[in-house]
PDB file of N, CA and C in Angstrom:
ATOM      1  N   MET A   1       0.829  -1.198   0.000  1.00  0.00           N
ATOM      2  CA  MET A   1       0.000   0.000   0.000  1.00  0.00           C
ATOM      3  C   MET A   1       0.865   1.250   0.000  1.00  0.00           C
ATOM      4  N   LEU A   2       1.938   1.223   0.785  1.00  0.00           N
ATOM      5  CA  LEU A   2       2.815   2.385   0.872  1.00  0.00           C
ATOM      6  C   LEU A   2       3.499   2.644  -0.460  1.00  0.00           C
ATOM      7  N   TRP A   3       3.910   1.564  -1.145  1.00  0.00           N
ATOM      8  CA  TRP A   3       4.570   1.742  -2.440  1.00  0.00           C
ATOM      9  C   TRP A   3       3.604   2.310  -3.470  1.00  0.00           C
ATOM     10  N   THR A   4       2.336   1.974  -3.361  1.00  0.00           N
ATOM     11  CA  THR A   4       1.345   2.529  -4.279  1.00  0.00           C
ATOM     12  C   THR A   4       1.238   4.039  -4.097  1.00  0.00           C
ATOM     13  N   ILE A   5       1.211   4.489  -2.855  1.00  0.00           N
ATOM     14  CA  ILE A   5       1.153   5.922  -2.565  1.00  0.00           C
ATOM     15  C   ILE A   5       2.412   6.612  -3.073  1.00  0.00           C
ATOM     16  N   ILE A   6       3.565   5.982  -2.888  1.00  0.00           N
ATOM     17  CA  ILE A   6       4.819   6.561  -3.359  1.00  0.00           C
ATOM     18  C   ILE A   6       4.817   6.703  -4.870  1.00  0.00           C
ATOM     19  N   VAL A   7       4.362   5.669  -5.564  1.00  0.00           N
ATOM     20  CA  VAL A   7       4.322   5.720  -7.028  1.00  0.00           C
ATOM     21  C   VAL A   7       3.351   6.792  -7.510  1.00  0.00           C
ATOM     22  N   ILE A   8       2.194   6.890  -6.874  1.00  0.00           N
ATOM     23  CA  ILE A   8       1.213   7.908  -7.263  1.00  0.00           C
ATOM     24  C   ILE A   8       1.780   9.304  -7.052  1.00  0.00           C
ATOM     25  N   LEU A   9       2.426   9.542  -5.908  1.00  0.00           N
ATOM     26  CA  LEU A   9       3.023  10.851  -5.652  1.00  0.00           C
ATOM     27  C   LEU A   9       4.136  11.159  -6.641  1.00  0.00           C
ATOM     28  N   PHE A  10       4.915  10.152  -7.014  1.00  0.00           N
ATOM     29  CA  PHE A  10       5.996  10.361  -7.971  1.00  0.00           C
ATOM     30  C   PHE A  10       5.438  10.703  -9.353  1.00  0.00           C
ATOM     31  N   VAL A  11       4.388  10.012  -9.748  1.00  0.00           N
ATOM     32  CA  VAL A  11       3.769  10.306 -11.041  1.00  0.00           C
ATOM     33  C   VAL A  11       3.169  11.716 -11.039  1.00  0.00           C
ATOM     34  N   LEU A  12       2.513  12.086  -9.953  1.00  0.00           N
ATOM     35  CA  LEU A  12       1.975  13.443  -9.862  1.00  0.00           C
ATOM     36  C   LEU A  12       3.082  14.485  -9.904  1.00  0.00           C
ATOM     37  N   TRP A  13       4.211  14.174  -9.265  1.00  0.00           N
ATOM     38  CA  TRP A  13       5.344  15.093  -9.303  1.00  0.00           C
ATOM     39  C   TRP A  13       5.870  15.237 -10.720  1.00  0.00           C
ATOM     40  N   LEU A  14       5.988  14.126 -11.444  1.00  0.00           N
ATOM     41  CA  LEU A  14       6.452  14.184 -12.830  1.00  0.00           C
ATOM     42  C   LEU A  14       5.502  15.004 -13.701  1.00  0.00           C
ATOM     43  N   ILE A  15       4.202  14.809 -13.502  1.00  0.00           N
ATOM     44  CA  ILE A  15       3.223  15.576 -14.276  1.00  0.00           C
ATOM     45  C   ILE A  15       3.323  17.059 -13.934  1.00  0.00           C
ATOM     46  N   GLY A  16       3.469  17.372 -12.675  1.00  0.00           N
ATOM     47  CA  GLY A  16       3.584  18.770 -12.267  1.00  0.00           C
ATOM     48  C   GLY A  16       4.877  19.411 -12.717  1.00  0.00           C
ATOM     49  N   PHE A  17       5.942  18.623 -12.799  1.00  0.00           N
ATOM     50  CA  PHE A  17       7.246  19.170 -13.166  1.00  0.00           C
ATOM     51  C   PHE A  17       7.381  19.330 -14.674  1.00  0.00           C
ATOM     52  N   PHE A  18       7.021  18.288 -15.427  1.00  0.00           N
ATOM     53  CA  PHE A  18       7.201  18.310 -16.874  1.00  0.00           C
ATOM     54  C   PHE A  18       5.935  18.669 -17.635  1.00  0.00           C
ATOM     55  N   GLY A  19       4.789  18.602 -16.985  1.00  0.00           N
ATOM     56  CA  GLY A  19       3.529  18.830 -17.665  1.00  0.00           C
ATOM     57  C   GLY A  19       3.366  20.193 -18.304  1.00  0.00           C
ATOM     58  N   PRO A  20       3.600  21.283 -17.570  1.00  0.00           N
ATOM     59  CA  PRO A  20       3.359  22.604 -18.161  1.00  0.00           C
ATOM     60  C   PRO A  20       4.222  22.901 -19.384  1.00  0.00           C
ATOM     61  N   SER A  21       5.415  22.334 -19.466  1.00  0.00           N
ATOM     62  CA  SER A  21       6.244  22.593 -20.637  1.00  0.00           C
ATOM     63  C   SER A  21       5.773  21.774 -21.841  1.00  0.00           C
ATOM     64  N   ARG A  22       5.182  20.610 -21.592  1.00  0.00           N
ATOM     65  CA  ARG A  22       4.695  19.752 -22.686  1.00  0.00           C
ATOM     66  C   ARG A  22       3.248  20.073 -23.058  1.00  0.00           C
ATOM     67  N   LEU A  23       2.422  20.265 -22.045  1.00  0.00           N
ATOM     68  CA  LEU A  23       0.998  20.546 -22.269  1.00  0.00           C
ATOM     69  C   LEU A  23       0.650  21.869 -21.582  1.00  0.00           C
ATOM     70  N   PRO A  24       0.471  22.932 -22.324  1.00  0.00           N
ATOM     71  CA  PRO A  24       0.183  24.235 -21.702  1.00  0.00           C
ATOM     72  C   PRO A  24      -1.123  24.271 -20.918  1.00  0.00           C
ATOM     73  N   SER A  25      -2.008  23.308 -21.134  1.00  0.00           N
ATOM     74  CA  SER A  25      -3.279  23.311 -20.408  1.00  0.00           C
ATOM     75  C   SER A  25      -3.097  22.920 -18.940  1.00  0.00           C
ATOM     76  N   ILE A  26      -1.970  22.287 -18.594  1.00  0.00           N
ATOM     77  CA  ILE A  26      -1.688  21.921 -17.200  1.00  0.00           C
ATOM     78  C   ILE A  26      -1.099  23.152 -16.511  1.00  0.00           C
ATOM     79  N   PRO A  27      -1.736  23.631 -15.446  1.00  0.00           N
ATOM     80  CA  PRO A  27      -1.227  24.850 -14.795  1.00  0.00           C
ATOM     81  C   PRO A  27       0.073  24.581 -14.043  1.00  0.00           C
ATOM     82  N   ARG A  28       0.861  25.609 -13.868  1.00  0.00           N
ATOM     83  CA  ARG A  28       2.080  25.494 -13.063  1.00  0.00           C
ATOM     84  C   ARG A  28       1.672  25.371 -11.602  1.00  0.00           C
ATOM     85  N   THR A  29       2.300  24.417 -10.903  1.00  0.00           N
ATOM     86  CA  THR A  29       1.885  24.146  -9.531  1.00  0.00           C
ATOM     87  C   THR A  29       2.795  24.783  -8.494  1.00  0.00           C
ATOM     88  N   GLY A  30       3.976  25.229  -8.884  1.00  0.00           N
ATOM     89  CA  GLY A  30       4.859  25.925  -7.952  1.00  0.00           C
ATOM     90  C   GLY A  30       5.304  25.057  -6.802  1.00  0.00           C
ATOM     91  N   ASN A  31       4.941  25.465  -5.591  1.00  0.00           N
ATOM     92  CA  ASN A  31       5.401  24.777  -4.388  1.00  0.00           C
ATOM     93  C   ASN A  31       4.768  23.405  -4.208  1.00  0.00           C
ATOM     94  N   LEU A  32       3.640  23.144  -4.843  1.00  0.00           N
ATOM     95  CA  LEU A  32       2.983  21.848  -4.697  1.00  0.00           C
ATOM     96  C   LEU A  32       3.871  20.719  -5.190  1.00  0.00           C
ATOM     97  N   VAL A  33       4.650  20.966  -6.221  1.00  0.00           N
ATOM     98  CA  VAL A  33       5.564  19.954  -6.747  1.00  0.00           C
ATOM     99  C   VAL A  33       6.582  19.581  -5.669  1.00  0.00           C
ATOM    100  N   HIS A  34       7.119  20.569  -5.003  1.00  0.00           N
ATOM    101  CA  HIS A  34       8.118  20.295  -3.974  1.00  0.00           C
ATOM    102  C   HIS A  34       7.508  19.600  -2.763  1.00  0.00           C
ATOM    103  N   VAL A  35       6.289  19.958  -2.412  1.00  0.00           N
ATOM    104  CA  VAL A  35       5.613  19.301  -1.286  1.00  0.00           C
ATOM    105  C   VAL A  35       5.384  17.826  -1.597  1.00  0.00           C
ATOM    106  N   LEU A  36       4.949  17.521  -2.814  1.00  0.00           N
ATOM    107  CA  LEU A  36       4.747  16.123  -3.194  1.00  0.00           C
ATOM    108  C   LEU A  36       6.049  15.338  -3.154  1.00  0.00           C
ATOM    109  N   LEU A  37       7.126  15.963  -3.602  1.00  0.00           N
ATOM    110  CA  LEU A  37       8.422  15.298  -3.584  1.00  0.00           C
ATOM    111  C   LEU A  37       8.880  15.025  -2.154  1.00  0.00           C
ATOM    112  N   VAL A  38       8.706  15.975  -1.270  1.00  0.00           N
ATOM    113  CA  VAL A  38       9.099  15.791   0.130  1.00  0.00           C
ATOM    114  C   VAL A  38       8.263  14.692   0.778  1.00  0.00           C
ATOM    115  N   ILE A  39       6.963  14.672   0.508  1.00  0.00           N
ATOM    116  CA  ILE A  39       6.106  13.624   1.077  1.00  0.00           C
ATOM    117  C   ILE A  39       6.543  12.254   0.579  1.00  0.00           C
ATOM    118  N   ALA A  40       6.856  12.150  -0.708  1.00  0.00           N
ATOM    119  CA  ALA A  40       7.301  10.865  -1.251  1.00  0.00           C
ATOM    120  C   ALA A  40       8.615  10.430  -0.616  1.00  0.00           C
ATOM    121  N   LEU A  41       9.543  11.356  -0.427  1.00  0.00           N
ATOM    122  CA  LEU A  41      10.820  11.008   0.214  1.00  0.00           C
ATOM    123  C   LEU A  41      10.631  10.582   1.665  1.00  0.00           C
ATOM    124  N   ILE A  42       9.750  11.265   2.376  1.00  0.00           N
ATOM    125  CA  ILE A  42       9.478  10.884   3.768  1.00  0.00           C
ATOM    126  C   ILE A  42       8.880   9.488   3.826  1.00  0.00           C
ATOM    127  N   LEU A  43       7.959   9.173   2.916  1.00  0.00           N
ATOM    128  CA  LEU A  43       7.360   7.837   2.902  1.00  0.00           C
ATOM    129  C   LEU A  43       8.394   6.764   2.589  1.00  0.00           C
ATOM    130  N   ILE A  44       9.320   7.055   1.699  1.00  0.00           N
ATOM    131  CA  ILE A  44      10.377   6.090   1.383  1.00  0.00           C
ATOM    132  C   ILE A  44      11.261   5.850   2.600  1.00  0.00           C
ATOM    133  N   VAL A  45      11.654   6.906   3.291  1.00  0.00           N
ATOM    134  CA  VAL A  45      12.509   6.772   4.473  1.00  0.00           C
ATOM    135  C   VAL A  45      11.787   6.002   5.574  1.00  0.00           C
ATOM    136  N   VAL A  46      10.513   6.307   5.811  1.00  0.00           N
ATOM    137  CA  VAL A  46       9.749   5.591   6.826  1.00  0.00           C
ATOM    138  C   VAL A  46       9.655   4.116   6.484  1.00  0.00           C
ATOM    139  N   ASN A  47       9.425   3.830   5.226  1.00  0.00           N
ATOM    140  CA  ASN A  47       9.329   2.432   4.800  1.00  0.00           C
ATOM    141  C   ASN A  47      10.652   1.701   4.993  1.00  0.00           C
ATOM    142  N   LEU A  48      11.754   2.348   4.692  1.00  0.00           N
ATOM    143  CA  LEU A  48      13.064   1.709   4.855  1.00  0.00           C
ATOM    144  C   LEU A  48      13.404   1.507   6.330  1.00  0.00           C
ATOM    145  N   LEU A  49      12.974   2.419   7.193  1.00  0.00           N
ATOM    146  CA  LEU A  49      13.259   2.285   8.619  1.00  0.00           C
ATOM    147  C   LEU A  49      12.417   1.206   9.286  1.00  0.00           C
ATOM    148  N   GLN A  50      11.275   0.889   8.710  1.00  0.00           N
ATOM    149  CA  GLN A  50      10.415  -0.129   9.303  1.00  0.00           C
ATOM    150  C   GLN A  50      10.890  -1.540   9.013  1.00  0.00           C
ATOM    151  N   ARG A  51      11.816  -1.711   8.103  1.00  0.00           N
ATOM    152  CA  ARG A  51      12.286  -3.054   7.763  1.00  0.00           C
ATOM    153  C   ARG A  51      13.271  -3.561   8.769  1.00  0.00           C
TER     154      ARG A  51
END
């Protein structure tokens, strides 16, 4: 379940980062991209520490 959330956040980050340059209809998200990246990194670290 945790890996699913990580993958979804990573895909959303990719869309937010590369989307506006490829598809102008996708709005620029600014700080939201960085927040998603930080959340994904925190989830990865938590998952690695639980093993």
